């Protein structure tokens, strides 16, 4: 899954990178984005590409409340076409969620009981200078109590590549720049979209352990992405 990521760039900078117009002034400097937080995402409306703000955790149009949003932060690539919560968005409402990193946790367990004794966070970052482009889905939900429209988003996940696999059994679907147009185009046929739902190459990213401070959703700051200076090899064997 993808349950935490970093989005430190401003909407204006993201708009320049993704050849879009900034439709929100959502600030950057967010290094620990958590479920239900606002996030910037790239969408296409009537032929115009824009960076707008969404709440992380998709709320399907048929839901009576938004209480289940935190459960729908991710959509599985294997079932995204058929799951009722995501299938309409997969066909018609796709987006890109930019991220400079995402976090996954490696768990140490007792050999006999299997009880988790420690959780070490890792940061996975692009090998180059541009942010990741997570494949996303978005939806519009109308609050029946207030008639307010709420724009929500989910990140598509799939099997990990060989870099991430030792830490976690899922990772976000990261789009190649050559595939951005096809993913955002509402008219791209499903058979083409399915080809995009593959693990990004391990060589396109790097991974290293970071401070357990990222475990707390209230923690923020660029230091969350700093590599640990001491690695406990006896607790976390290679």
Foldseek 3Di string as FASTA:
>chain_A
DFFWFAFQCFQVVVCVVLVAAEPDGDHGQFGTDGAQDKAWKWAADPNGIYIDIAGQFADAQPDQDCVRRNVFQEDELVCQCPPVRRNVQQQAFKIWGWGQWTKFWAFFADPPPRHTDDIWIKIKGFPDDGTWTFIKGKDWYQHPVPRDIHIYMHTYKYAEEPQCVNGDGIDTQTADPVCRVLSNDSPNDPVVVSVSRDYDDPVRIDMATFDCVSVDSPDGGPNRNPHDPDDDCVRPPD
